[in-house]
Amino acid sequence: MPLHTRIVGGVLAVTLFTQLSACGTLFFPDRRGQIEGKVDPVVVAMDAIGILFYVIPGLIAFGIDFATGAIYLPNGQYSMAPDTLKQAVDAEGRIDNAKLKALIERHTGHSLPLDDPRLIRHSGSVEQLAAFGLAPAA
């Protein structure tokens, strides 16, 4: 391979690597959906490096991280163990909204409008249940 091709390939590889590592959404997908909190200095530093070398992609990385909430540090007081959520599931595998609302309010201190008519319910799969250590019951 000629030296010119190797240099261009190396620069392209470094560019792609830095841009992939500059987005907190890729490294911390569990943080998505947060709307406030303390900003994670590691994610800010990665995004700032993206701005330093590539202005537009770095700004896009900042925008994505703020829009998805991945730039914020996780706040442990709003999380619940999946085992505690088992109490809201009845014997037939259906979720009781009243029990779920009471559990969430007791553990997090937030009251969610689970009786809102605009609430959209999504059905899960057996693989999702297995990921949480739950056995399917129907």
Protein backbone atom coordinates (compact mmCIF):
# COMPACT_ATOMS: atom_id res chain seq x y z
CA MET A 1 0.00 0.00 0.00
CA PRO A 2 1.24 3.47 -0.76
CA LEU A 3 2.05 5.73 2.16
CA HIS A 4 -0.63 8.25 1.14
CA THR A 5 -3.38 5.62 1.38
CA ARG A 6 -2.18 4.51 4.80
CA ILE A 7 -2.15 8.07 6.10
CA VAL A 8 -5.65 8.77 4.80
CA GLY A 9 -6.91 5.47 6.24
CA GLY A 10 -5.30 6.19 9.60
CA VAL A 11 -6.75 9.69 9.78
CA LEU A 12 -10.18 8.32 8.84
CA ALA A 13 -9.95 5.59 11.50
CA VAL A 14 -8.90 8.07 14.20
CA THR A 15 -11.71 10.45 13.15
CA LEU A 16 -14.35 7.74 13.35
CA PHE A 17 -13.02 6.45 16.67
CA THR A 18 -13.03 9.88 18.30
CA GLN A 19 -16.53 10.64 17.06
CA LEU A 20 -17.88 7.33 18.30
CA SER A 21 -16.28 7.89 21.67
CA ALA A 22 -17.52 11.48 21.90
CA CYS A 23 -21.16 10.61 22.39
CA GLY A 24 -22.29 9.69 25.91
CA THR A 25 -25.42 8.13 24.46
CA LEU A 26 -23.32 5.26 23.11
CA PHE A 27 -21.40 4.66 26.33
CA PHE A 28 -24.24 5.18 28.80
CA PRO A 29 -27.48 4.04 27.15
CA ASP A 30 -29.02 3.41 30.57
CA ARG A 31 -28.95 7.15 31.27
CA ARG A 32 -31.22 8.04 28.37
CA GLY A 33 -34.48 9.66 29.38
CA GLN A 34 -33.14 11.74 32.25
CA ILE A 35 -34.26 15.36 32.16
CA GLU A 36 -32.07 16.92 34.84
CA GLY A 37 -29.24 16.29 37.24
CA LYS A 38 -25.53 16.89 37.61
CA VAL A 39 -23.59 16.92 34.37
CA ASP A 40 -21.08 14.09 33.98
CA PRO A 41 -17.61 15.63 33.44
CA VAL A 42 -16.41 12.55 31.52
CA VAL A 43 -19.12 12.90 28.89
CA VAL A 44 -18.57 16.67 28.70
CA ALA A 45 -14.83 16.10 28.16
CA MET A 46 -15.49 13.57 25.38
CA ASP A 47 -17.91 15.96 23.68
CA ALA A 48 -15.45 18.85 24.12
CA ILE A 49 -12.73 16.83 22.41
CA GLY A 50 -15.18 16.34 19.55
CA ILE A 51 -15.69 20.11 19.34
CA LEU A 52 -11.94 20.73 19.54
CA PHE A 53 -11.17 18.57 16.53
CA TYR A 54 -14.42 18.55 14.57
CA VAL A 55 -16.73 21.47 15.40
CA ILE A 56 -19.98 20.36 13.78
CA PRO A 57 -19.88 16.69 14.90
CA GLY A 58 -18.84 17.81 18.40
CA LEU A 59 -21.81 20.16 18.64
CA ILE A 60 -24.06 17.39 17.39
CA ALA A 61 -22.67 15.08 20.09
CA PHE A 62 -23.43 17.71 22.76
CA GLY A 63 -26.92 18.18 21.37
CA ILE A 64 -27.63 14.45 21.32
CA ASP A 65 -26.33 13.96 24.85
CA PHE A 66 -28.45 16.81 26.23
CA ALA A 67 -31.52 15.75 24.23
CA THR A 68 -31.34 12.14 25.38
CA GLY A 69 -30.21 12.94 28.94
CA ALA A 70 -27.07 10.79 28.68
CA ILE A 71 -24.91 13.72 29.76
CA TYR A 72 -26.38 13.69 33.29
CA LEU A 73 -25.02 11.54 36.09
CA PRO A 74 -27.42 8.82 37.22
CA ASN A 75 -29.44 9.57 40.31
CA GLY A 76 -29.87 6.45 42.44
CA GLN A 77 -32.94 7.63 44.31
CA TYR A 78 -35.16 7.19 41.26
CA SER A 79 -34.28 3.59 40.50
CA MET A 80 -36.03 0.44 41.63
CA ALA A 81 -34.94 -3.16 41.63
CA PRO A 82 -36.92 -5.35 39.23
CA ASP A 83 -37.74 -7.73 42.08
CA THR A 84 -39.80 -5.05 43.82
CA LEU A 85 -41.90 -4.60 40.69
CA LYS A 86 -43.02 -8.23 40.89
CA GLN A 87 -45.46 -7.18 43.60
CA ALA A 88 -47.50 -5.23 41.00
CA VAL A 89 -47.97 -8.27 38.74
CA ASP A 90 -50.93 -10.52 39.47
CA ALA A 91 -51.08 -14.32 39.08
CA GLU A 92 -52.17 -14.06 35.44
CA GLY A 93 -49.23 -11.84 34.48
CA ARG A 94 -51.18 -8.57 34.23
CA ILE A 95 -49.96 -5.37 35.82
CA ASP A 96 -52.14 -3.77 38.46
CA ASN A 97 -51.80 0.00 37.92
CA ALA A 98 -52.86 0.88 41.46
CA LYS A 99 -50.23 -1.40 43.01
CA LEU A 100 -47.59 -0.19 40.56
CA LYS A 101 -48.39 3.45 41.33
CA ALA A 102 -48.18 2.79 45.08
CA LEU A 103 -44.83 0.95 44.70
CA ILE A 104 -43.29 3.74 42.63
CA GLU A 105 -44.55 6.40 45.02
CA ARG A 106 -43.24 4.52 48.06
CA HIS A 107 -39.76 3.87 46.60
CA THR A 108 -39.11 7.07 44.66
CA GLY A 109 -41.42 9.63 46.22
CA HIS A 110 -42.93 10.51 42.82
CA SER A 111 -46.56 10.06 41.93
CA LEU A 112 -47.03 8.98 38.32
CA PRO A 113 -50.34 9.44 36.47
CA LEU A 114 -50.83 5.76 35.63
CA ASP A 115 -54.59 6.26 35.31
CA ASP A 116 -54.17 8.87 32.56
CA PRO A 117 -56.20 7.91 29.46
CA ARG A 118 -53.27 8.97 27.24
CA LEU A 119 -51.04 6.31 28.79
CA ILE A 120 -49.71 3.95 26.14
CA ARG A 121 -49.10 0.36 27.23
CA HIS A 122 -46.46 -1.67 25.46
CA SER A 123 -46.35 -5.43 25.59
CA GLY A 124 -43.05 -7.09 26.33
CA SER A 125 -41.42 -10.25 25.11
CA VAL A 126 -40.19 -13.39 26.84
CA GLU A 127 -36.60 -12.24 26.29
CA GLN A 128 -37.27 -8.99 28.15
CA LEU A 129 -38.76 -10.90 31.07
CA ALA A 130 -35.77 -13.25 31.17
CA ALA A 131 -33.41 -10.24 31.24
CA PHE A 132 -35.07 -9.11 34.49
CA GLY A 133 -35.14 -12.62 35.95
CA LEU A 134 -38.93 -12.91 35.67
CA ALA A 135 -40.75 -16.03 34.54
CA PRO A 136 -43.50 -15.56 31.97
CA ALA A 137 -46.96 -16.26 33.37
CA ALA A 138 -50.11 -16.22 31.30
